[in-house]
Amino acid sequence: MIRNGQDIVSGSEISAQVCIIGSGPAGVTAAWHLQKAGIQVVLIEGSRYVGSGDDQREASWPDKTLLYEGEAVGVFANSEPDFLIQPYSGQSSNAWERERILGGTSTHWGGQSRPLSAITFEDRPGYPGWPISQTDLDPYYKQAVDFCRLYANEFGPEYWAGVLQAEVPALEGFDIEMYQFIGPDDRNFAIRTFPDGTTLANCGVDVILNASLQRIEHTGGHVQRLRVASMGMDLAQPPTKATEFFIKADIVVLACGAVANAHQLLLSNAGNEHDQVGRYFGCHPLSSGGVVSILRDYLKPAQSRLMNGKTPAGKWYAPGTDLYVEGRFVPDSATLRREDIGACWFWAGGGQCYFEMAPNPASRITLSDRKDKVFGLPQVHIDWQLSDLDQRTYEVTASLFKASVAKLGGQAWTQQWPDVKAQMTVNGHHIGTTRMSSAPEDGVVDANLKVHSIDNLYVAGSSVFRTPGISNPTFTIIALSIRLADHLRRTLGQ
């Protein structure tokens, strides 16, 4: 069921086995799997708005401005000064980096999905290894395929070449990674139908809308309760604090996104004994314009079909729908190890720049002196910093791509790094800030996503990623959330 926090009496306390904060893919995936196991789950979402379309999102933007208007500096200063509230200033009217609405950013994402590559989890210079491996996630990736209703648990080019009656290109030094796209009816986690026929509104999860987390109250390494507040529901007036209540849960899961997860931990002075909360903010930097141009073709028609995901008849692999696959050229593992660089994408026909940002402790979130206009809490100060390693990743991979295209008889042109850097945006993939680590001195959560210093506080989402990898993060977020639900089920003895 879905209810409104304004209807909860001030001072009252709600009890649950698990409380999840956040209603995007991370929170909803974990909540649905936990309730299927018979666990009592409360999920809270700060927005006053229910809906899935552009109208509902736009209606929520004034609230977001009041509550998210912090400070964005570093690379943001020129490329996305309004990153925290309404990004792409001057480029787009869509506030698509962050959302404050039921369903979170799943209300607008494109559904592009594939697992992280095995090398993402390896320990390499500049790209520290994860405390888990791809093998640890493989069973949960398979469950995520079924949960998201993808076409097949297959992401290799050979399989899709067979489906599309296409041919696999051989571009020296590059692998081909195939991406499946989740269907439009399954992308919005606020309204999608789950495998058992339920939705978030009618499954066993107690959803409380208009419930903004104020503080995680913890002592002795244990969360005692959550302090939560609602806003008045007169949408014609600026929001004001309406009620304040408490949630007491055996286990708490933060699933608010990389910016808000760090913000909430900093507000509550939780898990930050080693000054790791908020550090290593990363992403897949994306250029706004065409950085790579193909001046002379280098692929056969059958090879282009694979990269574009089309059959010989010119249709997507699931005719009659907009479900489809696409291929990307990505430097192979041997190249990444030899050159000590991050991964990147190249579209077969050229286009934008998209690469794996190197983890950087100076790229971080802290608390601002500014306070929000509703609850009076300190806002976010976010400083996005690229490094010399990011420049090297771009320059080396661009050079390799041009050389490999030339060997196939083609010709490619790429922009210079200063021009590329000047147009970089975060692209909605907010990664790091509460990263996974074996030792508390080197991160915020352990391999099971538990905050190192607090025995019943967990974090879900791409804020726990140790390195960005190159794949879109949401599919891995879903797999990690299924894995987390499995761990919590065992922890609770169910």
Protein backbone atom coordinates (compact mmCIF):
# COMPACT_ATOMS: atom_id res chain seq x y z
CA MET A 1 0.00 0.00 0.00
CA ILE A 2 0.98 3.64 -0.41
CA ARG A 3 0.21 6.17 2.29
CA ASN A 4 1.20 9.75 3.07
CA GLY A 5 3.55 10.78 5.85
CA GLN A 6 1.39 13.78 6.66
CA ASP A 7 -1.26 11.36 7.90
CA ILE A 8 1.11 9.83 10.48
CA VAL A 9 0.70 11.39 13.93
CA SER A 10 3.65 13.48 15.10
CA GLY A 11 5.74 11.70 17.71
CA SER A 12 4.48 8.24 16.78
CA GLU A 13 6.79 5.33 16.06
CA ILE A 14 6.45 2.79 13.24
CA SER A 15 8.11 -0.60 13.60
CA ALA A 16 9.39 -2.89 10.85
CA GLN A 17 11.96 -5.58 10.27
CA VAL A 18 13.54 -3.59 7.45
CA CYS A 19 13.22 0.09 6.56
CA ILE A 20 14.41 1.15 3.11
CA ILE A 21 14.99 4.81 2.29
CA GLY A 22 14.55 5.50 -1.42
CA SER A 23 12.19 4.28 -4.15
CA GLY A 24 14.47 3.92 -7.18
CA PRO A 25 15.63 0.59 -8.64
CA ALA A 26 17.90 -0.17 -5.67
CA GLY A 27 15.27 0.37 -2.99
CA VAL A 28 12.30 -1.12 -4.82
CA THR A 29 14.22 -4.21 -5.95
CA ALA A 30 15.41 -4.96 -2.42
CA ALA A 31 11.97 -4.22 -0.93
CA TRP A 32 10.09 -6.50 -3.34
CA HIS A 33 12.45 -9.43 -2.85
CA LEU A 34 12.39 -9.04 0.94
CA GLN A 35 8.59 -8.95 1.18
CA LYS A 36 8.43 -12.02 -1.07
CA ALA A 37 10.48 -13.78 1.62
CA GLY A 38 7.88 -12.82 4.24
CA ILE A 39 9.86 -9.95 5.76
CA GLN A 40 8.03 -6.85 6.98
CA VAL A 41 9.31 -3.89 4.94
CA VAL A 42 8.64 -0.17 5.21
CA LEU A 43 9.89 1.94 2.29
CA ILE A 44 9.98 5.72 2.66
CA GLU A 45 10.17 8.27 -0.15
CA GLY A 46 10.57 12.01 0.40
CA SER A 47 8.47 13.20 -2.53
CA ARG A 48 4.92 14.49 -2.19
CA TYR A 49 4.16 13.36 -5.75
CA VAL A 50 2.87 10.09 -7.19
CA GLY A 51 3.11 9.52 -10.91
CA SER A 52 5.27 8.38 -13.74
CA GLY A 53 5.11 10.92 -16.54
CA ASP A 54 6.80 14.21 -17.35
CA ASP A 55 3.98 16.20 -15.74
CA GLN A 56 4.52 14.56 -12.36
CA ARG A 57 8.28 15.02 -12.54
CA GLU A 58 7.98 18.68 -13.47
CA ALA A 59 5.51 19.20 -10.60
CA SER A 60 8.16 17.88 -8.21
CA TRP A 61 10.95 20.18 -9.39
CA PRO A 62 10.08 23.18 -7.16
CA ASP A 63 10.34 20.94 -4.09
CA LYS A 64 13.63 19.59 -5.40
CA THR A 65 14.98 23.11 -5.81
CA LEU A 66 14.11 23.98 -2.22
CA LEU A 67 15.61 20.78 -0.79
CA TYR A 68 18.56 20.15 -3.13
CA GLU A 69 19.90 23.64 -3.83
CA GLY A 70 23.45 23.16 -2.57
CA GLU A 71 26.75 23.99 -4.23
CA ALA A 72 28.21 22.27 -7.31
CA VAL A 73 31.81 23.22 -8.09
CA GLY A 74 34.84 21.83 -9.91
CA VAL A 75 33.97 20.58 -13.40
CA PHE A 76 30.35 21.41 -12.58
CA ALA A 77 31.09 25.14 -12.49
CA ASN A 78 31.15 25.35 -16.28
CA SER A 79 29.36 22.23 -17.51
CA GLU A 80 26.49 21.66 -15.04
CA PRO A 81 26.14 24.49 -12.51
CA ASP A 82 22.63 23.30 -11.65
CA PHE A 83 23.61 19.63 -11.29
CA LEU A 84 22.04 19.27 -7.85
CA ILE A 85 18.65 20.56 -8.96
CA GLN A 86 18.04 21.03 -12.70
CA PRO A 87 21.10 20.11 -14.78
CA TYR A 88 22.07 20.72 -18.41
CA SER A 89 21.39 24.44 -18.00
CA GLY A 90 21.17 25.96 -21.44
CA GLN A 91 21.17 22.54 -23.10
CA SER A 92 17.96 20.88 -21.97
CA SER A 93 14.89 21.64 -19.87
CA ASN A 94 14.89 18.17 -18.31
CA ALA A 95 16.09 17.87 -14.68
CA TRP A 96 17.25 14.35 -15.27
CA GLU A 97 20.32 13.93 -13.12
CA ARG A 98 18.32 13.51 -9.90
CA GLU A 99 14.62 13.11 -9.20
CA ARG A 100 12.52 13.55 -6.07
CA ILE A 101 9.57 11.39 -7.01
CA LEU A 102 8.26 7.89 -6.39
CA GLY A 103 10.34 5.66 -8.64
CA GLY A 104 13.35 7.98 -8.56
CA THR A 105 15.38 8.17 -11.76
CA SER A 106 13.76 4.96 -13.00
CA THR A 107 10.96 7.30 -14.11
CA HIS A 108 13.11 8.48 -16.99
CA TRP A 109 15.99 6.09 -17.73
CA GLY A 110 16.47 4.29 -21.06
CA GLY A 111 16.75 0.72 -19.75
CA GLN A 112 20.21 0.00 -21.25
CA SER A 113 21.58 -3.06 -19.47
CA ARG A 114 24.53 -5.45 -19.25
CA PRO A 115 26.72 -6.78 -16.41
CA LEU A 116 29.99 -5.18 -15.42
CA SER A 117 32.99 -6.85 -17.06
CA ALA A 118 35.27 -9.10 -15.00
CA ILE A 119 38.17 -6.62 -15.23
CA THR A 120 36.08 -4.00 -13.42
CA PHE A 121 36.51 -5.99 -10.21
CA GLU A 122 40.29 -6.45 -10.65
CA ASP A 123 42.93 -4.47 -8.79
CA ARG A 124 44.79 -2.30 -11.34
CA PRO A 125 46.86 0.90 -11.06
CA GLY A 126 44.42 3.72 -10.49
CA TYR A 127 41.43 1.33 -10.38
CA PRO A 128 41.34 -0.51 -7.03
CA GLY A 129 39.86 -4.01 -6.88
CA TRP A 130 36.50 -4.78 -5.35
CA PRO A 131 36.08 -7.13 -2.36
CA ILE A 132 33.77 -9.22 -4.59
CA SER A 133 34.25 -10.63 -8.09
CA GLN A 134 32.07 -10.92 -11.15
CA THR A 135 31.62 -14.60 -10.23
CA ASP A 136 30.03 -13.55 -6.94
CA LEU A 137 27.48 -11.48 -8.85
CA ASP A 138 26.78 -13.89 -11.73
CA PRO A 139 23.84 -15.70 -10.00
CA TYR A 140 22.25 -12.35 -9.21
CA TYR A 141 22.80 -11.03 -12.72
CA LYS A 142 20.83 -14.06 -13.91
CA GLN A 143 18.03 -13.23 -11.48
CA ALA A 144 18.15 -9.61 -12.66
CA VAL A 145 17.66 -10.77 -16.26
CA ASP A 146 14.47 -12.54 -15.22
CA PHE A 147 13.33 -9.74 -12.90
CA CYS A 148 13.75 -7.16 -15.67
CA ARG A 149 12.31 -9.47 -18.35
CA LEU A 150 15.28 -9.16 -20.68
CA TYR A 151 15.30 -11.27 -23.84
CA ALA A 152 18.06 -13.68 -22.72
CA ASN A 153 20.91 -14.03 -20.26
CA GLU A 154 23.28 -13.40 -23.16
CA PHE A 155 25.51 -10.38 -23.73
CA GLY A 156 28.13 -11.73 -26.11
CA PRO A 157 28.35 -10.60 -29.76
CA GLU A 158 28.39 -14.14 -31.16
CA TYR A 159 24.99 -14.94 -29.68
CA TRP A 160 23.43 -11.74 -31.00
CA ALA A 161 25.04 -12.13 -34.40
CA GLY A 162 23.07 -15.36 -34.67
CA VAL A 163 19.83 -13.71 -33.59
CA LEU A 164 20.27 -10.80 -36.00
CA GLN A 165 21.81 -12.80 -38.86
CA ALA A 166 24.74 -10.41 -38.58
CA GLU A 167 28.53 -10.59 -38.46
CA VAL A 168 30.92 -9.83 -35.60
CA PRO A 169 33.47 -7.11 -36.51
CA ALA A 170 37.14 -7.62 -35.64
CA LEU A 171 38.51 -4.28 -34.45
CA GLU A 172 42.05 -4.77 -33.16
CA GLY A 173 42.42 -4.11 -29.42
CA PHE A 174 38.68 -3.84 -28.84
CA ASP A 175 35.92 -6.11 -27.58
CA ILE A 176 32.29 -5.80 -28.59
CA GLU A 177 29.88 -5.44 -25.67
CA MET A 178 26.20 -5.93 -26.37
CA TYR A 179 23.58 -4.04 -24.39
CA GLN A 180 19.99 -5.15 -23.99
CA PHE A 181 17.31 -2.57 -23.31
CA ILE A 182 14.62 -3.23 -20.71
CA GLY A 183 11.15 -2.74 -22.16
CA PRO A 184 9.33 0.54 -21.46
CA ASP A 185 6.69 -1.12 -19.28
CA ASP A 186 9.36 -2.42 -16.89
CA ARG A 187 11.60 0.63 -16.53
CA ASN A 188 9.62 2.68 -14.02
CA PHE A 189 9.92 0.83 -10.71
CA ALA A 190 7.10 2.85 -9.16
CA ILE A 191 4.47 1.41 -11.49
CA ARG A 192 5.97 -1.65 -13.20
CA THR A 193 4.44 -5.10 -12.79
CA PHE A 194 6.68 -7.55 -10.96
CA PRO A 195 7.10 -11.22 -11.98
CA ASP A 196 4.32 -12.31 -9.59
CA GLY A 197 1.80 -9.84 -11.07
CA THR A 198 1.98 -7.34 -8.20
CA THR A 199 3.10 -3.72 -8.27
CA LEU A 200 4.77 -1.58 -5.63
CA ALA A 201 1.34 -0.24 -4.65
CA ASN A 202 -0.26 -3.64 -3.98
CA CYS A 203 2.58 -5.95 -2.95
CA GLY A 204 3.49 -6.49 0.70
CA VAL A 205 5.65 -3.36 1.06
CA ASP A 206 4.39 -0.52 3.26
CA VAL A 207 5.25 2.55 1.16
CA ILE A 208 5.19 5.92 2.91
CA LEU A 209 5.27 8.86 0.52
CA ASN A 210 6.12 12.37 1.71
CA ALA A 211 8.49 10.98 4.34
CA SER A 212 11.86 12.74 4.35
CA LEU A 213 14.66 11.25 6.44
CA GLN A 214 15.99 13.84 8.89
CA ARG A 215 18.50 11.85 10.87
CA ILE A 216 19.75 8.32 11.45
CA GLU A 217 19.87 8.09 15.24
CA HIS A 218 22.62 5.64 16.19
CA THR A 219 24.65 4.83 19.29
CA GLY A 220 27.20 2.14 20.04
CA GLY A 221 27.44 1.02 16.43
CA HIS A 222 23.70 0.39 16.08
CA VAL A 223 20.86 2.37 14.49
CA GLN A 224 18.26 2.98 17.18
CA ARG A 225 15.64 4.67 15.01
CA LEU A 226 15.09 7.06 12.12
CA ARG A 227 13.72 10.58 12.51
CA VAL A 228 11.38 11.32 9.59
CA ALA A 229 9.33 14.40 8.64
CA SER A 230 6.54 15.17 6.19
CA MET A 231 5.54 18.32 4.32
CA GLY A 232 2.14 19.94 4.00
CA MET A 233 0.12 18.82 0.98
CA ASP A 234 -1.17 22.18 -0.22
CA LEU A 235 0.69 22.06 -3.52
CA ALA A 236 -0.25 25.66 -4.31
CA GLN A 237 1.86 26.87 -1.38
CA PRO A 238 5.61 26.53 -0.65
CA PRO A 239 6.11 23.33 1.36
CA THR A 240 6.56 23.52 5.10
CA LYS A 241 7.27 20.86 7.69
CA ALA A 242 3.99 19.23 8.75
CA THR A 243 4.67 16.25 11.02
CA GLU A 244 7.64 14.43 12.50
CA PHE A 245 7.63 10.74 13.43
CA PHE A 246 10.02 7.84 13.98
CA ILE A 247 10.73 4.47 12.38
CA LYS A 248 12.34 1.69 14.38
CA ALA A 249 13.67 -1.21 12.29
CA ASP A 250 15.92 -4.18 12.84
CA ILE A 251 17.77 -3.24 9.64
CA VAL A 252 17.99 0.05 7.74
CA VAL A 253 18.93 0.33 4.05
CA LEU A 254 19.92 3.66 2.48
CA ALA A 255 19.00 3.56 -1.22
CA CYS A 256 18.79 7.22 -2.23
CA GLY A 257 21.49 7.53 -4.89
CA ALA A 258 25.18 8.40 -4.61
CA VAL A 259 24.58 12.06 -3.72
CA ALA A 260 21.83 11.57 -1.15
CA ASN A 261 23.33 8.41 0.41
CA ALA A 262 26.49 10.34 1.29
CA HIS A 263 24.45 13.39 2.34
CA GLN A 264 22.35 11.37 4.80
CA LEU A 265 25.39 9.67 6.33
CA LEU A 266 27.16 13.02 6.73
CA LEU A 267 24.07 14.63 8.29
CA SER A 268 23.91 11.78 10.80
CA ASN A 269 27.68 11.48 11.37
CA ALA A 270 27.37 7.80 10.50
CA GLY A 271 30.07 5.56 9.04
CA ASN A 272 32.59 8.35 8.56
CA GLU A 273 35.24 7.44 11.12
CA HIS A 274 37.92 7.41 8.41
CA ASP A 275 36.71 10.42 6.37
CA GLN A 276 35.58 8.15 3.53
CA VAL A 277 31.91 9.15 3.24
CA GLY A 278 31.38 11.34 0.19
CA ARG A 279 34.77 10.67 -1.38
CA TYR A 280 35.37 9.16 -4.83
CA PHE A 281 32.34 10.69 -6.48
CA GLY A 282 32.53 9.32 -10.02
CA CYS A 283 30.54 8.78 -13.16
CA HIS A 284 30.80 8.05 -16.86
CA PRO A 285 31.68 11.51 -18.18
CA LEU A 286 29.73 12.23 -21.35
CA SER A 287 30.39 14.90 -23.94
CA SER A 288 27.50 16.99 -25.19
CA GLY A 289 28.64 16.93 -28.82
CA GLY A 290 30.20 14.73 -31.46
CA VAL A 291 33.73 13.97 -30.27
CA VAL A 292 34.33 11.06 -32.69
CA SER A 293 33.57 11.31 -36.39
CA ILE A 294 33.81 8.52 -38.97
CA LEU A 295 35.17 10.06 -42.14
CA ARG A 296 35.39 6.78 -44.09
CA ASP A 297 33.35 3.62 -43.39
CA TYR A 298 35.14 0.59 -42.00
CA LEU A 299 32.33 -1.93 -41.30
CA LYS A 300 30.48 -4.28 -43.60
CA PRO A 301 26.65 -3.97 -43.65
CA ALA A 302 26.27 -7.23 -41.71
CA GLN A 303 28.67 -5.92 -39.05
CA SER A 304 26.81 -2.63 -38.78
CA ARG A 305 23.59 -4.60 -38.21
CA LEU A 306 25.11 -6.18 -35.12
CA MET A 307 26.34 -2.88 -33.70
CA ASN A 308 22.98 -1.23 -34.39
CA GLY A 309 20.95 -4.21 -33.20
CA LYS A 310 18.88 -4.66 -36.33
CA THR A 311 17.83 -7.67 -38.39
CA PRO A 312 18.33 -7.89 -42.18
CA ALA A 313 14.75 -6.59 -42.51
CA GLY A 314 15.78 -3.44 -40.64
CA LYS A 315 13.75 -4.25 -37.52
CA TRP A 316 14.81 -4.56 -33.91
CA TYR A 317 15.13 -8.09 -32.57
CA ALA A 318 11.63 -7.89 -31.04
CA PRO A 319 9.49 -6.55 -33.91
CA GLY A 320 6.53 -4.47 -32.83
CA THR A 321 8.19 -3.16 -29.69
CA ASP A 322 11.04 -0.80 -28.89
CA LEU A 323 13.02 -3.51 -27.12
CA TYR A 324 16.39 -3.80 -28.74
CA VAL A 325 20.11 -4.45 -28.44
CA GLU A 326 23.08 -2.37 -29.48
CA GLY A 327 26.82 -2.99 -29.61
CA ARG A 328 29.70 -0.86 -28.38
CA PHE A 329 33.43 -1.07 -29.03
CA VAL A 330 35.33 -1.20 -25.71
CA PRO A 331 39.12 -1.63 -25.26
CA ASP A 332 39.83 -5.26 -24.40
CA SER A 333 41.20 -6.30 -21.01
CA ALA A 334 44.75 -6.80 -22.31
CA THR A 335 44.78 -3.22 -23.58
CA LEU A 336 43.44 -1.82 -20.31
CA ARG A 337 46.09 -3.67 -18.31
CA ARG A 338 48.93 -2.81 -20.69
CA GLU A 339 48.09 0.89 -20.91
CA ASP A 340 46.92 1.37 -17.28
CA ILE A 341 43.77 3.19 -18.38
CA GLY A 342 40.06 3.05 -17.78
CA ALA A 343 37.52 1.67 -20.22
CA CYS A 344 35.54 3.73 -22.71
CA TRP A 345 32.80 3.34 -25.29
CA PHE A 346 32.95 3.93 -29.00
CA TRP A 347 29.77 3.89 -31.00
CA ALA A 348 30.35 2.25 -34.38
CA GLY A 349 29.28 5.40 -36.19
CA GLY A 350 31.11 7.84 -33.95
CA GLY A 351 29.46 10.41 -31.71
CA GLN A 352 29.92 11.38 -28.08
CA CYS A 353 32.72 10.57 -25.67
CA TYR A 354 31.86 8.22 -22.80
CA PHE A 355 34.47 6.73 -20.47
CA GLU A 356 35.22 5.22 -17.06
CA MET A 357 36.29 7.92 -14.63
CA ALA A 358 39.19 6.97 -12.36
CA PRO A 359 38.36 6.96 -8.62
CA ASN A 360 39.53 10.28 -7.20
CA PRO A 361 39.39 11.08 -3.45
CA ALA A 362 39.34 14.81 -4.22
CA SER A 363 36.09 14.38 -6.16
CA ARG A 364 33.76 14.43 -3.21
CA ILE A 365 30.62 15.44 -1.34
CA THR A 366 30.70 17.42 1.89
CA LEU A 367 28.14 19.49 3.79
CA SER A 368 27.50 23.07 2.74
CA ASP A 369 26.91 26.06 4.99
CA ARG A 370 23.64 26.53 3.10
CA LYS A 371 20.50 25.05 4.64
CA ASP A 372 17.38 23.84 2.89
CA LYS A 373 14.28 26.03 3.04
CA VAL A 374 11.94 23.40 4.46
CA PHE A 375 13.69 21.41 7.18
CA GLY A 376 16.71 23.65 7.81
CA LEU A 377 19.27 20.87 7.17
CA PRO A 378 22.72 21.55 5.66
CA GLN A 379 22.77 21.17 1.90
CA VAL A 380 25.24 19.28 -0.29
CA HIS A 381 28.55 20.72 -1.43
CA ILE A 382 29.78 18.61 -4.36
CA ASP A 383 33.12 19.03 -6.07
CA TRP A 384 33.54 16.99 -9.28
CA GLN A 385 37.20 16.61 -10.24
CA LEU A 386 38.71 14.83 -13.23
CA SER A 387 42.32 13.66 -13.08
CA ASP A 388 45.33 13.20 -15.34
CA LEU A 389 44.39 9.53 -15.57
CA ASP A 390 41.04 10.51 -17.11
CA GLN A 391 42.84 12.55 -19.75
CA ARG A 392 45.16 9.62 -20.44
CA THR A 393 42.18 7.25 -20.77
CA TYR A 394 40.62 9.47 -23.40
CA GLU A 395 43.78 10.20 -25.35
CA VAL A 396 45.07 6.63 -25.44
CA THR A 397 41.73 5.05 -26.35
CA ALA A 398 40.99 7.68 -28.99
CA SER A 399 44.39 7.04 -30.58
CA LEU A 400 43.89 3.27 -30.49
CA PHE A 401 40.42 3.54 -32.02
CA LYS A 402 41.63 5.70 -34.91
CA ALA A 403 44.53 3.33 -35.61
CA SER A 404 42.33 0.22 -35.52
CA VAL A 405 39.69 1.79 -37.77
CA ALA A 406 42.46 2.70 -40.25
CA LYS A 407 43.61 -0.93 -40.37
CA LEU A 408 40.12 -1.86 -41.61
CA GLY A 409 40.31 0.76 -44.35
CA GLY A 410 38.33 3.43 -42.54
CA GLN A 411 39.15 6.83 -41.13
CA ALA A 412 38.13 8.34 -37.77
CA TRP A 413 38.66 11.83 -36.32
CA THR A 414 38.61 12.74 -32.61
CA GLN A 415 38.61 16.04 -30.72
CA GLN A 416 41.45 17.20 -28.47
CA TRP A 417 41.12 16.65 -24.71
CA PRO A 418 40.68 20.33 -23.67
CA ASP A 419 37.69 20.64 -26.00
CA VAL A 420 36.27 17.35 -24.75
CA LYS A 421 36.70 18.19 -21.05
CA ALA A 422 35.01 21.57 -21.49
CA GLN A 423 31.72 19.92 -22.45
CA MET A 424 31.63 17.02 -19.99
CA THR A 425 28.45 16.20 -18.06
CA VAL A 426 27.90 13.47 -15.48
CA ASN A 427 25.28 11.65 -17.59
CA GLY A 428 23.12 10.56 -14.66
CA HIS A 429 25.48 7.77 -13.57
CA HIS A 430 26.39 8.83 -10.02
CA ILE A 431 28.97 6.39 -8.71
CA GLY A 432 31.01 6.13 -5.52
CA THR A 433 30.74 8.19 -2.27
CA THR A 434 30.06 5.13 -0.03
CA ARG A 435 32.34 2.62 -1.71
CA MET A 436 32.75 -1.03 -0.90
CA SER A 437 36.01 -2.08 0.80
CA SER A 438 37.59 -4.91 2.75
CA ALA A 439 39.01 -2.52 5.35
CA PRO A 440 37.14 0.35 7.05
CA GLU A 441 40.05 2.70 6.37
CA ASP A 442 39.48 2.36 2.63
CA GLY A 443 35.72 2.65 2.24
CA VAL A 444 32.31 2.85 3.86
CA VAL A 445 30.58 -0.53 3.40
CA ASP A 446 31.80 -4.13 3.39
CA ALA A 447 31.27 -6.82 0.75
CA ASN A 448 27.68 -7.32 2.00
CA LEU A 449 27.00 -3.56 1.76
CA LYS A 450 26.88 -3.10 5.55
CA VAL A 451 28.37 0.12 6.89
CA HIS A 452 31.63 -0.99 8.52
CA SER A 453 31.03 0.65 11.90
CA ILE A 454 27.25 0.13 12.25
CA ASP A 455 25.85 -3.38 12.59
CA ASN A 456 22.37 -2.82 11.14
CA LEU A 457 22.89 -0.08 8.52
CA TYR A 458 23.32 -0.99 4.84
CA VAL A 459 23.71 1.03 1.64
CA ALA A 460 22.36 0.08 -1.80
CA GLY A 461 22.94 1.59 -5.22
CA SER A 462 25.93 2.62 -7.29
CA SER A 463 27.34 4.69 -4.43
CA VAL A 464 28.89 1.39 -3.27
CA PHE A 465 30.71 0.79 -6.57
CA ARG A 466 34.46 0.78 -6.03
CA THR A 467 35.16 1.67 -9.64
CA PRO A 468 32.66 2.76 -12.30
CA GLY A 469 33.40 0.10 -14.93
CA ILE A 470 31.97 1.01 -18.30
CA SER A 471 28.50 -0.59 -18.30
CA ASN A 472 25.44 1.48 -17.37
CA PRO A 473 25.14 1.04 -13.59
CA THR A 474 21.42 0.31 -13.10
CA PHE A 475 21.52 -3.37 -14.09
CA THR A 476 24.33 -3.97 -11.58
CA ILE A 477 22.41 -1.94 -8.98
CA ILE A 478 19.50 -4.35 -9.45
CA ALA A 479 21.75 -7.41 -9.17
CA LEU A 480 23.42 -6.05 -6.02
CA SER A 481 20.02 -5.27 -4.50
CA ILE A 482 18.84 -8.84 -5.11
CA ARG A 483 22.06 -10.05 -3.50
CA LEU A 484 21.51 -7.69 -0.57
CA ALA A 485 17.94 -8.95 -0.08
CA ASP A 486 19.28 -12.52 -0.06
CA HIS A 487 21.85 -11.58 2.59
CA LEU A 488 19.31 -9.76 4.77
CA ARG A 489 16.89 -12.68 4.53
CA ARG A 490 19.60 -14.96 5.95
CA THR A 491 20.60 -12.36 8.55
CA LEU A 492 16.99 -12.17 9.78
CA GLY A 493 16.72 -15.97 9.79
CA GLN A 494 14.07 -16.20 7.07
